[in-house]
Every structure is written in structure tokens, then in C-alpha cells.
Protein backbone atom coordinates (compact mmCIF):
# COMPACT_ATOMS: atom_id res chain seq x y z
CA MET A 1 -96.91 38.96 12.93
CA PHE A 2 -95.47 35.42 12.60
CA ASP A 3 -98.84 33.67 12.16
CA HIS A 4 -98.46 33.15 8.42
CA PHE A 5 -94.70 32.67 8.25
CA GLU A 6 -93.60 29.89 5.91
CA THR A 7 -90.14 28.34 5.54
CA ASP A 8 -91.01 27.34 1.94
CA LEU A 9 -88.71 24.31 2.38
CA PHE A 10 -85.59 26.50 2.71
CA PHE A 11 -83.29 26.14 5.71
CA ASP A 12 -84.49 28.82 8.11
CA GLU A 13 -82.33 30.27 10.88
CA MET A 14 -85.26 30.55 13.32
CA PHE A 15 -87.72 27.81 12.40
CA GLU A 16 -87.46 24.09 11.77
CA SER A 17 -88.93 22.69 8.54
CA ASP A 18 -92.11 21.65 10.41
CA GLY A 19 -92.67 25.23 11.57
CA SER A 20 -91.51 24.74 15.16
CA VAL A 21 -89.04 27.25 16.55
CA ARG A 22 -85.40 26.26 16.96
CA PRO A 23 -84.70 25.97 20.73
CA HIS A 24 -82.05 28.69 20.84
CA CYS A 25 -84.48 31.12 19.14
CA SER A 26 -87.45 30.38 21.38
CA PRO A 27 -86.93 33.29 23.84
CA LEU A 28 -86.50 35.69 20.93
CA LEU A 29 -89.68 34.53 19.23
CA GLU A 30 -91.63 34.83 22.49
CA ARG A 31 -90.44 38.42 22.93
CA PHE A 32 -91.20 39.48 19.37
CA SER A 33 -94.54 37.67 19.33
CA SER A 34 -95.68 39.65 22.37
CA ILE A 35 -95.10 43.00 20.67
CA GLU A 36 -98.05 44.68 18.99
CA ARG A 37 -97.60 45.57 15.33
CA ALA A 38 -97.75 49.33 15.99
CA ASP A 39 -95.16 49.06 18.75
CA PHE A 40 -92.89 46.96 16.56
CA GLU A 41 -93.18 49.46 13.72
CA ALA A 42 -92.31 52.30 16.09
CA ARG A 43 -89.20 50.44 17.27
CA ARG A 44 -88.21 49.67 13.68
CA GLN A 45 -88.52 53.34 12.79
CA ALA A 46 -86.43 54.19 15.86
CA CYS A 47 -83.64 52.05 14.39
CA ASP A 48 -83.88 53.92 11.08
CA SER A 49 -83.78 57.23 12.96
CA HIS A 50 -80.66 56.10 14.81
CA PHE A 51 -78.90 55.34 11.53
CA LEU A 52 -79.99 58.69 10.12
CA ARG A 53 -78.68 60.60 13.16
CA GLN A 54 -75.40 58.70 13.14
CA GLY A 55 -74.93 59.14 9.40
CA VAL A 56 -74.71 55.38 8.84
CA THR A 57 -74.55 55.47 5.06
CA PHE A 58 -72.88 53.89 2.07
CA ASN A 59 -72.23 55.19 -1.42
CA VAL A 60 -73.43 53.60 -4.66
CA TYR A 61 -71.31 54.30 -7.70
CA HIS A 62 -72.96 54.96 -11.09
CA ASP A 63 -76.33 55.76 -9.49
CA ASP A 64 -78.20 58.74 -10.95
CA LYS A 65 -80.47 58.92 -7.88
CA GLY A 66 -77.66 60.21 -5.71
CA THR A 67 -74.74 58.41 -4.16
CA GLU A 68 -75.33 58.39 -0.41
CA ARG A 69 -77.91 56.06 1.17
CA ILE A 70 -78.95 55.00 4.65
CA PHE A 71 -78.00 51.38 5.18
CA PRO A 72 -81.18 49.20 5.19
CA PHE A 73 -81.60 47.37 8.48
CA ASP A 74 -83.97 44.63 9.60
CA PRO A 75 -84.59 44.53 13.37
CA VAL A 76 -85.06 40.77 13.76
CA PRO A 77 -81.60 39.42 14.58
CA ARG A 78 -79.96 36.25 13.42
CA VAL A 79 -79.14 34.03 16.42
CA ILE A 80 -76.18 31.61 16.52
CA PRO A 81 -75.88 29.14 19.44
CA ALA A 82 -72.55 28.83 21.24
CA GLU A 83 -71.57 25.40 19.93
CA GLU A 84 -72.23 26.47 16.34
CA TRP A 85 -70.08 29.56 16.81
CA ASP A 86 -67.25 27.46 18.25
CA LEU A 87 -67.17 25.52 14.97
CA LEU A 88 -67.11 28.71 12.89
CA GLU A 89 -64.41 30.26 15.03
CA ALA A 90 -62.17 27.20 14.69
CA GLY A 91 -62.72 27.02 10.93
CA LEU A 92 -62.06 30.72 10.34
CA SER A 93 -58.93 30.68 12.51
CA GLN A 94 -57.61 27.69 10.58
CA ARG A 95 -58.31 29.44 7.29
CA ILE A 96 -56.63 32.78 8.02
CA ILE A 97 -53.51 31.05 9.36
CA ALA A 98 -53.25 28.96 6.18
CA LEU A 99 -53.82 31.99 3.94
CA ASN A 100 -51.03 33.89 5.68
CA LEU A 101 -48.64 30.94 5.33
CA PHE A 102 -49.55 30.80 1.64
CA LEU A 103 -48.87 34.51 1.12
CA HIS A 104 -45.52 34.32 2.91
CA ASP A 105 -44.62 31.31 0.76
CA ILE A 106 -45.49 32.79 -2.64
CA TYR A 107 -43.62 35.99 -1.81
CA HIS A 108 -40.57 33.99 -0.69
CA GLU A 109 -39.69 30.36 -1.56
CA GLN A 110 -42.87 29.52 -3.53
CA GLN A 111 -42.63 25.94 -2.31
CA ILE A 112 -46.34 25.26 -2.81
CA LEU A 113 -45.88 26.07 -6.50
CA LYS A 114 -42.70 23.99 -6.82
CA ASP A 115 -44.50 21.03 -5.27
CA GLY A 116 -47.32 21.37 -7.81
CA VAL A 117 -50.05 21.81 -5.23
CA ILE A 118 -51.16 24.97 -7.05
CA PRO A 119 -50.22 25.42 -10.73
CA ALA A 120 -47.80 28.37 -10.93
CA TYR A 121 -49.75 29.78 -13.88
CA TYR A 122 -52.68 30.73 -11.65
CA ILE A 123 -50.49 32.75 -9.29
CA GLU A 124 -48.26 34.34 -11.90
CA ASN A 125 -51.33 35.53 -13.82
CA ALA A 126 -53.37 36.65 -10.83
CA LYS A 127 -54.34 40.30 -11.21
CA HIS A 128 -53.23 41.24 -7.70
CA PHE A 129 -50.06 39.17 -7.41
CA ARG A 130 -47.11 41.55 -6.86
CA PRO A 131 -43.94 39.72 -7.98
CA GLU A 132 -41.85 42.84 -7.32
CA PHE A 133 -42.40 42.28 -3.58
CA ARG A 134 -40.92 38.80 -3.48
CA GLY A 135 -38.33 38.56 -0.73
CA ILE A 136 -39.68 41.49 1.27
CA ASP A 137 -40.51 40.63 4.88
CA VAL A 138 -43.58 42.05 6.59
CA PRO A 139 -44.03 42.59 10.35
CA GLU A 140 -44.52 39.31 12.23
CA ASP A 141 -44.89 37.53 8.83
CA ILE A 142 -48.58 38.48 8.83
CA TYR A 143 -49.99 39.63 5.50
CA ILE A 144 -53.72 39.57 6.23
CA GLN A 145 -54.35 41.31 9.53
CA ILE A 146 -58.04 42.01 8.83
CA CYS A 147 -60.20 39.54 6.94
CA GLY A 148 -63.88 39.17 6.20
CA SER A 149 -64.64 35.64 4.98
CA ASP A 150 -68.21 35.33 3.69
CA LEU A 151 -70.14 32.29 4.95
CA ILE A 152 -73.35 30.77 3.62
CA ARG A 153 -75.54 27.82 4.59
CA GLY A 154 -77.16 25.36 2.22
CA ASP A 155 -80.42 23.41 2.36
CA ASP A 156 -79.13 21.10 5.09
CA GLY A 157 -77.77 23.92 7.24
CA GLN A 158 -74.12 23.16 6.51
CA TYR A 159 -71.81 26.17 6.45
CA PHE A 160 -69.59 26.91 3.46
CA VAL A 161 -66.99 29.61 2.86
CA LEU A 162 -68.13 31.56 -0.19
CA GLU A 163 -65.12 33.87 -0.52
CA ASP A 164 -62.32 35.55 1.41
CA ASN A 165 -62.02 39.34 1.52
CA ALA A 166 -58.35 39.88 2.29
CA ARG A 167 -57.61 43.36 0.94
CA CYS A 168 -59.88 45.99 2.50
CA PRO A 169 -62.90 44.14 3.92
CA SER A 170 -65.73 46.55 4.70
CA GLY A 171 -68.82 46.42 6.87
CA ALA A 172 -67.50 46.23 10.45
CA SER A 173 -68.94 49.65 11.29
CA TYR A 174 -72.41 48.47 10.26
CA LEU A 175 -72.02 45.44 12.53
CA LEU A 176 -71.31 47.78 15.48
CA GLU A 177 -74.08 50.26 14.67
CA ASN A 178 -76.61 47.47 14.11
CA ARG A 179 -75.96 46.39 17.69
CA ASN A 180 -76.25 49.97 19.01
CA ALA A 181 -79.55 50.52 17.20
CA LEU A 182 -81.10 47.27 18.42
CA LYS A 183 -80.00 47.91 22.01
CA ARG A 184 -81.88 51.20 21.94
CA ALA A 185 -84.97 49.68 20.34
CA PHE A 186 -85.13 46.57 22.57
CA PRO A 187 -83.39 47.37 25.88
CA GLY A 188 -82.94 44.45 28.25
CA LEU A 189 -83.32 41.78 25.61
CA PHE A 190 -79.58 41.19 25.23
CA ASP A 191 -78.92 40.33 28.86
CA ALA A 192 -81.98 38.11 29.00
CA MET A 193 -80.80 36.15 25.95
CA GLY A 194 -77.12 35.99 27.00
CA VAL A 195 -75.80 37.67 23.85
CA ARG A 196 -72.04 38.11 23.58
CA PRO A 197 -70.90 41.72 23.03
CA VAL A 198 -69.18 42.97 19.86
CA ASP A 199 -67.95 46.37 21.05
CA ALA A 200 -64.36 45.17 21.58
CA TYR A 201 -63.71 45.20 17.83
CA PRO A 202 -62.17 48.71 17.64
CA ARG A 203 -59.93 47.98 20.64
CA GLU A 204 -58.73 44.71 19.14
CA LEU A 205 -58.12 46.47 15.84
CA ARG A 206 -56.02 49.13 17.55
CA ARG A 207 -54.05 46.50 19.51
CA MET A 208 -53.29 44.65 16.28
CA LEU A 209 -52.02 47.84 14.62
CA GLU A 210 -49.74 48.53 17.58
CA PHE A 211 -48.51 44.92 17.52
CA ILE A 212 -47.22 45.18 13.93
CA SER A 213 -45.52 48.54 14.50
CA PRO A 214 -41.88 48.39 13.36
CA HIS A 215 -40.86 50.66 16.24
CA ARG A 216 -41.33 49.48 19.80
CA GLU A 217 -40.14 52.59 21.63
CA GLY A 218 -43.05 54.70 22.88
CA ASP A 219 -46.61 54.53 21.61
CA ALA A 220 -47.08 53.58 17.97
CA VAL A 221 -48.53 56.34 15.77
CA CYS A 222 -51.29 54.71 13.73
CA VAL A 223 -53.45 56.31 11.04
CA LEU A 224 -56.27 55.20 8.76
CA LEU A 225 -55.64 56.05 5.10
CA THR A 226 -58.84 56.69 3.14
CA PRO A 227 -59.38 57.53 -0.54
CA GLY A 228 -61.73 60.29 0.60
CA CYS A 229 -65.37 61.17 1.00
CA TYR A 230 -66.48 59.74 -2.34
CA ASN A 231 -65.43 56.21 -1.47
CA SER A 232 -68.32 53.79 -0.91
CA ALA A 233 -67.16 53.01 2.65
CA TYR A 234 -66.14 56.51 3.75
CA PHE A 235 -68.56 56.47 6.69
CA GLU A 236 -66.85 53.34 7.94
CA HIS A 237 -63.38 54.86 7.58
CA CYS A 238 -64.36 57.82 9.76
CA TYR A 239 -66.21 55.62 12.22
CA LEU A 240 -63.38 53.17 12.82
CA ALA A 241 -60.73 55.88 13.08
CA ARG A 242 -62.84 57.66 15.70
CA GLU A 243 -63.53 54.47 17.66
CA MET A 244 -59.83 53.51 17.64
CA GLY A 245 -58.74 57.01 18.59
CA ILE A 246 -56.45 57.43 15.59
CA GLU A 247 -56.23 60.05 12.84
CA ILE A 248 -57.97 59.56 9.51
CA VAL A 249 -55.83 60.85 6.64
CA GLU A 250 -55.85 61.13 2.88
CA GLY A 251 -52.79 60.75 0.69
CA LYS A 252 -52.19 64.50 0.63
CA ASP A 253 -51.85 64.47 4.45
CA LEU A 254 -48.79 62.18 4.33
CA VAL A 255 -45.30 62.78 3.03
CA VAL A 256 -42.23 60.52 2.73
CA LEU A 257 -38.81 61.88 3.74
CA ASP A 258 -35.67 59.73 3.88
CA ASP A 259 -37.77 56.55 3.67
CA PHE A 260 -39.96 57.48 6.64
CA VAL A 261 -43.63 58.43 6.49
CA TYR A 262 -44.80 61.60 8.18
CA MET A 263 -48.23 63.08 8.81
CA ARG A 264 -48.78 66.79 8.33
CA THR A 265 -50.24 68.34 11.49
CA THR A 266 -50.78 71.88 12.78
CA LYS A 267 -47.68 71.36 14.94
CA GLY A 268 -45.50 70.17 12.08
CA LEU A 269 -44.60 66.72 10.77
CA GLU A 270 -45.25 63.65 12.93
CA ARG A 271 -43.74 60.29 12.08
CA VAL A 272 -46.22 57.50 11.28
CA ASP A 273 -45.52 53.89 12.27
CA VAL A 274 -48.60 51.98 11.08
CA ILE A 275 -51.12 52.66 8.32
CA TYR A 276 -54.49 50.91 8.26
CA ARG A 277 -55.03 51.42 4.58
CA ARG A 278 -58.40 51.41 2.88
CA ILE A 279 -56.81 52.00 -0.53
CA ASP A 280 -56.02 49.20 -2.98
CA ASP A 281 -52.44 48.48 -4.04
CA ASP A 282 -52.94 50.11 -7.44
CA PHE A 283 -53.53 53.54 -5.95
CA ILE A 284 -51.28 53.61 -2.90
CA ASP A 285 -48.05 54.86 -4.53
CA PRO A 286 -48.00 56.54 -7.97
CA THR A 287 -44.24 56.02 -8.25
CA VAL A 288 -44.70 52.24 -8.19
CA PHE A 289 -48.21 51.38 -9.35
CA ARG A 290 -50.71 53.59 -11.19
CA LYS A 291 -48.93 56.76 -12.25
CA ASP A 292 -52.22 58.70 -12.46
CA SER A 293 -53.25 58.02 -8.84
CA VAL A 294 -53.84 61.12 -6.75
CA LEU A 295 -55.05 59.05 -3.77
CA GLY A 296 -51.81 57.58 -2.55
CA VAL A 297 -48.45 58.77 -1.21
CA PRO A 298 -45.38 59.02 -3.48
CA GLY A 299 -42.52 57.05 -1.95
CA ILE A 300 -44.57 55.10 0.57
CA MET A 301 -43.52 51.78 -0.98
CA GLN A 302 -39.86 52.61 -0.46
CA ALA A 303 -40.56 53.31 3.22
CA TYR A 304 -42.47 50.02 3.36
CA ARG A 305 -39.62 48.07 1.74
CA ALA A 306 -37.19 49.65 4.21
CA GLY A 307 -39.27 48.38 7.12
CA ASN A 308 -39.97 51.89 8.42
CA VAL A 309 -43.75 51.69 8.23
CA ALA A 310 -46.24 48.82 8.53
CA LEU A 311 -49.32 48.46 6.33
CA ALA A 312 -52.48 46.59 7.25
CA ASN A 313 -53.26 44.73 5.18
CA ALA A 314 -49.90 44.09 3.51
CA VAL A 315 -49.26 44.85 -0.15
CA GLY A 316 -49.98 41.82 -2.35
CA THR A 317 -52.77 40.27 -0.27
CA GLY A 318 -55.17 40.72 -3.19
CA VAL A 319 -53.97 37.45 -4.69
CA ALA A 320 -55.79 35.70 -1.83
CA ASP A 321 -58.99 37.52 -2.88
CA ASP A 322 -58.81 36.02 -6.37
CA LYS A 323 -61.78 33.69 -6.78
CA VAL A 324 -59.62 31.24 -8.73
CA VAL A 325 -57.09 31.10 -5.86
CA TYR A 326 -60.05 30.60 -3.47
CA HIS A 327 -60.52 27.20 -5.11
CA PHE A 328 -57.16 26.08 -3.69
CA VAL A 329 -57.60 27.18 -0.05
CA PRO A 330 -58.58 23.67 1.16
CA LYS A 331 -55.34 22.39 -0.40
CA MET A 332 -53.42 25.19 1.38
CA ILE A 333 -54.86 24.05 4.72
CA GLU A 334 -53.80 20.46 4.08
CA TYR A 335 -50.37 21.50 2.73
CA TYR A 336 -49.33 23.99 5.41
CA LEU A 337 -51.20 22.71 8.46
CA GLY A 338 -51.60 19.01 7.76
CA GLN A 339 -55.30 19.31 8.61
CA GLN A 340 -58.61 18.81 6.88
CA PRO A 341 -60.60 22.03 6.35
CA ILE A 342 -63.13 22.60 9.11
CA LEU A 343 -65.24 24.82 6.86
CA PRO A 344 -65.53 23.59 3.26
CA ASN A 345 -65.52 25.67 0.09
CA VAL A 346 -68.45 25.74 -2.30
CA GLN A 347 -67.82 23.36 -5.20
CA THR A 348 -65.98 25.47 -7.77
CA TYR A 349 -65.23 24.94 -11.47
CA LEU A 350 -62.24 26.69 -13.03
CA ALA A 351 -62.95 27.91 -16.56
CA TYR A 352 -59.26 27.65 -17.49
CA GLU A 353 -59.35 23.86 -17.05
CA ASP A 354 -60.62 22.23 -20.25
CA SER A 355 -62.99 19.77 -18.60
CA ASP A 356 -64.37 22.38 -16.20
CA ARG A 357 -64.84 24.91 -19.00
CA LYS A 358 -66.78 22.40 -21.07
CA TYR A 359 -69.01 21.66 -18.09
CA ILE A 360 -69.55 25.37 -17.42
CA LEU A 361 -70.48 26.16 -21.02
CA ASP A 362 -72.79 23.12 -21.25
CA HIS A 363 -74.58 24.02 -17.97
CA LEU A 364 -74.43 27.82 -18.00
CA PRO A 365 -78.18 28.31 -17.20
CA GLU A 366 -77.76 26.23 -14.03
CA LEU A 367 -74.65 27.89 -12.56
CA VAL A 368 -73.44 31.06 -10.88
CA VAL A 369 -70.51 32.47 -12.85
CA LYS A 370 -68.14 34.96 -11.22
CA SER A 371 -65.30 37.13 -12.44
CA ALA A 372 -62.15 36.35 -10.50
CA ASN A 373 -61.56 39.87 -9.17
CA GLU A 374 -64.95 41.60 -9.04
CA SER A 375 -66.83 42.28 -5.79
CA GLY A 376 -70.04 43.85 -4.53
CA GLY A 377 -72.22 41.56 -6.65
CA TYR A 378 -70.74 42.90 -9.90
CA GLY A 379 -69.28 40.77 -12.68
CA MET A 380 -71.58 37.88 -11.80
CA LEU A 381 -74.08 35.82 -13.77
CA MET A 382 -77.00 34.09 -12.03
CA GLY A 383 -77.65 31.44 -14.64
CA PRO A 384 -81.20 30.41 -13.64
CA THR A 385 -82.50 34.01 -13.84
CA ALA A 386 -80.31 35.32 -16.66
CA SER A 387 -81.69 36.32 -20.04
CA LYS A 388 -80.55 34.61 -23.22
CA ALA A 389 -78.50 37.68 -24.11
CA GLU A 390 -76.77 37.68 -20.70
CA LEU A 391 -75.97 33.98 -21.04
CA GLU A 392 -74.42 34.51 -24.46
CA GLU A 393 -72.45 37.53 -23.26
CA PHE A 394 -70.89 35.51 -20.45
CA ARG A 395 -70.29 32.56 -22.74
CA ALA A 396 -68.19 34.82 -24.96
CA ARG A 397 -66.38 36.35 -21.97
CA ILE A 398 -65.49 32.94 -20.56
CA GLN A 399 -64.14 31.73 -23.89
CA ASP A 400 -62.16 34.93 -24.38
CA ASP A 401 -60.56 34.99 -20.90
CA PRO A 402 -61.03 31.62 -19.16
CA ARG A 403 -58.36 32.27 -16.47
CA ASN A 404 -60.51 34.92 -14.88
CA PHE A 405 -63.80 33.07 -14.44
CA ILE A 406 -65.12 30.45 -12.06
CA ALA A 407 -68.53 28.81 -11.78
CA GLN A 408 -70.39 27.34 -8.83
CA PRO A 409 -73.71 25.54 -8.38
CA VAL A 410 -76.59 27.67 -7.16
CA ILE A 411 -76.88 27.22 -3.41
CA SER A 412 -80.20 28.15 -1.85
CA LEU A 413 -78.90 30.35 0.94
CA SER A 414 -80.47 29.94 4.34
CA ARG A 415 -83.20 32.40 5.24
CA CYS A 416 -84.16 34.52 8.22
CA PRO A 417 -87.54 36.02 9.11
CA THR A 418 -87.46 39.58 7.79
CA TRP A 419 -90.00 42.38 8.19
CA CYS A 420 -91.70 43.02 4.84
CA GLY A 421 -94.26 45.71 5.68
CA GLU A 422 -97.26 43.57 6.66
CA GLY A 423 -95.56 40.68 8.38
CA PHE A 424 -92.49 38.48 8.40
CA GLU A 425 -91.27 36.59 5.36
CA GLY A 426 -88.14 34.56 4.78
CA ARG A 427 -85.27 36.35 3.05
CA HIS A 428 -81.91 34.86 2.09
CA VAL A 429 -78.86 35.76 4.18
CA ASP A 430 -75.12 35.29 4.37
CA LEU A 431 -72.67 36.06 7.17
CA ARG A 432 -69.43 38.05 7.16
CA PRO A 433 -67.45 37.51 10.38
CA TYR A 434 -64.50 39.86 10.98
CA ILE A 435 -61.16 38.27 11.80
CA ILE A 436 -58.22 40.19 13.29
CA TYR A 437 -54.82 38.52 13.16
CA GLY A 438 -52.18 40.14 15.38
CA GLU A 439 -50.52 38.56 18.36
CA SER A 440 -53.27 35.95 18.10
CA VAL A 441 -56.42 35.43 16.05
CA LYS A 442 -59.46 37.35 17.32
CA ILE A 443 -62.92 36.99 15.80
CA VAL A 444 -65.84 39.24 16.64
CA PRO A 445 -68.56 36.98 18.14
CA GLY A 446 -71.10 37.40 15.37
CA GLY A 447 -70.48 39.38 12.23
CA LEU A 448 -72.49 41.21 9.64
CA THR A 449 -75.53 39.25 8.50
CA ARG A 450 -76.42 40.57 5.08
CA VAL A 451 -79.94 39.99 3.81
CA ALA A 452 -81.36 40.00 0.28
CA LEU A 453 -84.39 42.23 0.82
CA ASN A 454 -85.84 41.56 -2.63
CA LYS A 455 -88.09 38.49 -2.58
CA GLY A 456 -86.37 35.45 -4.05
CA SER A 457 -83.07 37.24 -4.55
CA LEU A 458 -79.81 35.56 -3.58
CA VAL A 459 -77.75 38.77 -3.91
CA VAL A 460 -77.17 40.29 -0.47
CA ASN A 461 -74.80 43.14 -1.38
CA SER A 462 -75.96 46.61 -0.30
CA SER A 463 -75.14 47.96 -3.77
CA GLN A 464 -77.57 45.39 -5.21
CA GLY A 465 -80.55 46.02 -2.93
CA GLY A 466 -79.41 44.16 0.17
CA GLY A 467 -79.61 45.15 3.82
CA SER A 468 -78.35 43.78 7.12
CA LYS A 469 -79.29 42.29 10.48
CA ASP A 470 -77.66 42.18 13.87
CA THR A 471 -76.00 38.83 14.60
CA TRP A 472 -76.28 37.38 18.08
CA VAL A 473 -73.87 34.75 19.35
CA LEU A 474 -75.18 33.23 22.56
CA ARG A 475 -73.01 32.46 25.55
CA GLY A 476 -72.30 28.81 26.23
């Protein structure tokens, strides 16, 4: 099945440019090469059946074919050697610590703005900056407790951070179920390869929630707040709540009395200490943010201000998701930690800066243009494949609202062998590790490898035709 595999001069996660297998992937290739095509297909279908039985789905908005879909999965894992993972772990830990110091600063003294490291305009005009929460302390001074920073590799194999997902990062449930499916399909392979486990994620998540509880007496009451069954990640909300052993609630299940949050139960009201929220700031409290929200809890922000309930992630973390603010993360690392970034950013042009905007408009067909606050592959222009009409539309949008656009060079993402019906072909991938920041920084050894299933595509998002792979980090 690998006989005709070609790297096509892209950096491949399994094969060197001359076609030889990378040493850490050699045992995996030997195992897969010994499997007959019919047997492999049966195992692949067994993975799909596992996802179907477990209800591993996601929702696609604005899709007239129906909203709920089984998450596409490719059974050939991505393998990361121990020394490579050590580098990623150090870089991601450095980054989340700096981002939290930045958030504490801009919601308190704003020293980084006073020192001119980041122009104040970019923060004051960030869509998700919440100036009304300046001066409010959060438990343990941690704003981002759960983060999913997307990593990519270029032609030379170097890792870059593509973006930080600091509000409600999704996908951890797919990481866990990918591992469960592959263990069933290929039993024994994990021990033979020395693959590090990922099943501690729900336990670490629960420990973090208990750590930020404002009340230390007795066991902390933690809940997961979901927008409901029509949310694109509703499967994940249910899954993580079940794995953590906590209740999943909607806004209507909670009530605020005397600045405390309570959960309605069959035995009466029960006080809630910590809320793992999967609802954006705008919808969490109609008395403070969007008045038309029926998803949130009236008064919850007053309880939050009073220090009677903890939220993960904290209100206001969305400013760190802003793709314009992303540009300044290396400067944050140098400013707060006095260190050079271990993991670099992708070169980024800010459309608000005159020289950058001129460059962007002059080179639009060569660049990737992104809206500052869109996600899921939306609000993005792939210059090399865009039509003339799309280029002109984005040209007008950039000129009309330059603050909210960035541009980056097209990076040929690394590829992994992926099953394409008749054999294996290279498909582009990224990596989303999951970082938990509580008493210390914990990173799941691996992450969600997302794969662009459409040939030649660089868009890995599930809503745009992407799928996923299991990610194996090998023991040292």
C-alpha cells in the first residue's frame, strides 16, 4: 500500500525526501506494510464503526445536508519522537505563561502598553477586550486555564505557532476517541512502539478546575456550561463532563442568588464553585453583554466579580485569540520572561500598518489573509487559489477595516501518509496540543493532528472538509 507513495518534495512526517523512512517511524511502517489491503480496510471500517457507536460527531452550521456528521478519521498515526516533543512542550509552556502574564497586565497596570511594546490602539480596539473587567482579580492570576495552540511545520520541518485558541478550544474529545479507536483496531501496537498515553487529560482538567475553586472547604462543585445540543462541539461538552464526573448544564439550569451561583437539581439548589464554560463572553450574562442571549445566566458576572465563582477560561481571554495580538506574542515572551521564543510565530503583516498594508495589497495573490477574530477556516483568503472576485472582495475589506486583518506567507504544511481509497498519499496536517494551566502547566503528550483530506488543500478544519489522526509521542 506504500509502494507508490511520493513525498512530492514536501516535508513528510514519516518519510525522508529520498523516500527512506524516518527512524522513529520504522516500526510503524513495518507493521502497516505487513497488513493486507483487505485487513487494513476492515480495521479502518472498525474505527468508523467505533465513532458511530460512540456518537463522535460535530455540527456544521449553514449546511443544508444536515448538521451532524461523524468525524473523519485516518488510521495512520502521526509519530513524534521524544526529543522533538520535549522542544514543543518547553515552547508551549513558555507561551501560555507569557500569555497569562500579558492578560493580567492589560486588565491591571497595562505596563506593556505604557512601555510601548504593544501599541495601545490594538488592545483598546480588540473585539474581545473587556475594559470593564480591569482591576478584577481571577483565581491564582490565571486567565487561560485551557489552551489549544495550533502548530504547523514548514518545508524544512521547523515548527511554527499558527495561532492560539484561548477562549473555548475544542477537539480534546476527538484526541481521546482517536486513541480509543486505534487501540481497538491495532491492539498491541502501542506497547511495542512505546507510545505515551493521553487518557489522563480529563483527570488533569478536573484537578485544574478544583485548583481554581474560590472555596477550599470540602470538594469543589464543578460544572460544564454548554450552549446546548445545537452547538458544533456539543458531543465534546457531554464527553468531557462525563469523563470528569461533573454535571453538564445549560444556562437555564443555573440561577444566581445573593451573588452566588446555584445549580437546580431534583434535591433543590446546589451551590456551584467552578464553571468550565463553553460559551463565549458575549452570551454568558444578558445583564452585562448581549441582552438577547438566552444561553447564559443573568447575574453570573456579578458573582464572578465578587469572587464567589471561578470561570475557566476567564472572561476577557478572547483578546489573546485576536490574530493581530498574536503578532506580538514573541514580544510578550521577551518582555515578561526575558527569554527568546522557543517556538516562533509565522511571519505576519498587520494591515493597519501603512507599510504592511501596502505590501499586502501589492502581493494579495501570494498571501493568506485572515480576519482577526474568525475561526474554523472562515473569514480567510487563500491568495494563490482565490478567484479574481474573491481577491477584489478582500482588497475592499482590508481597505475598509485594516485593524481587523492580517496576512501571512503561504506555508506548505508538512504532510502525513493518509489512506485515500486505493493507497496512501500525502495530505497536509497541523497539530493542536492541549495545554492545561493550573497548579502547574500540563500538556497532553500528543494532541489532535488535523488533516486536510482534500488533495492539495491546506485547510484542515473539520467544517472545511478536514479530518484527524491519532498523534503518538514516543517515550524517551
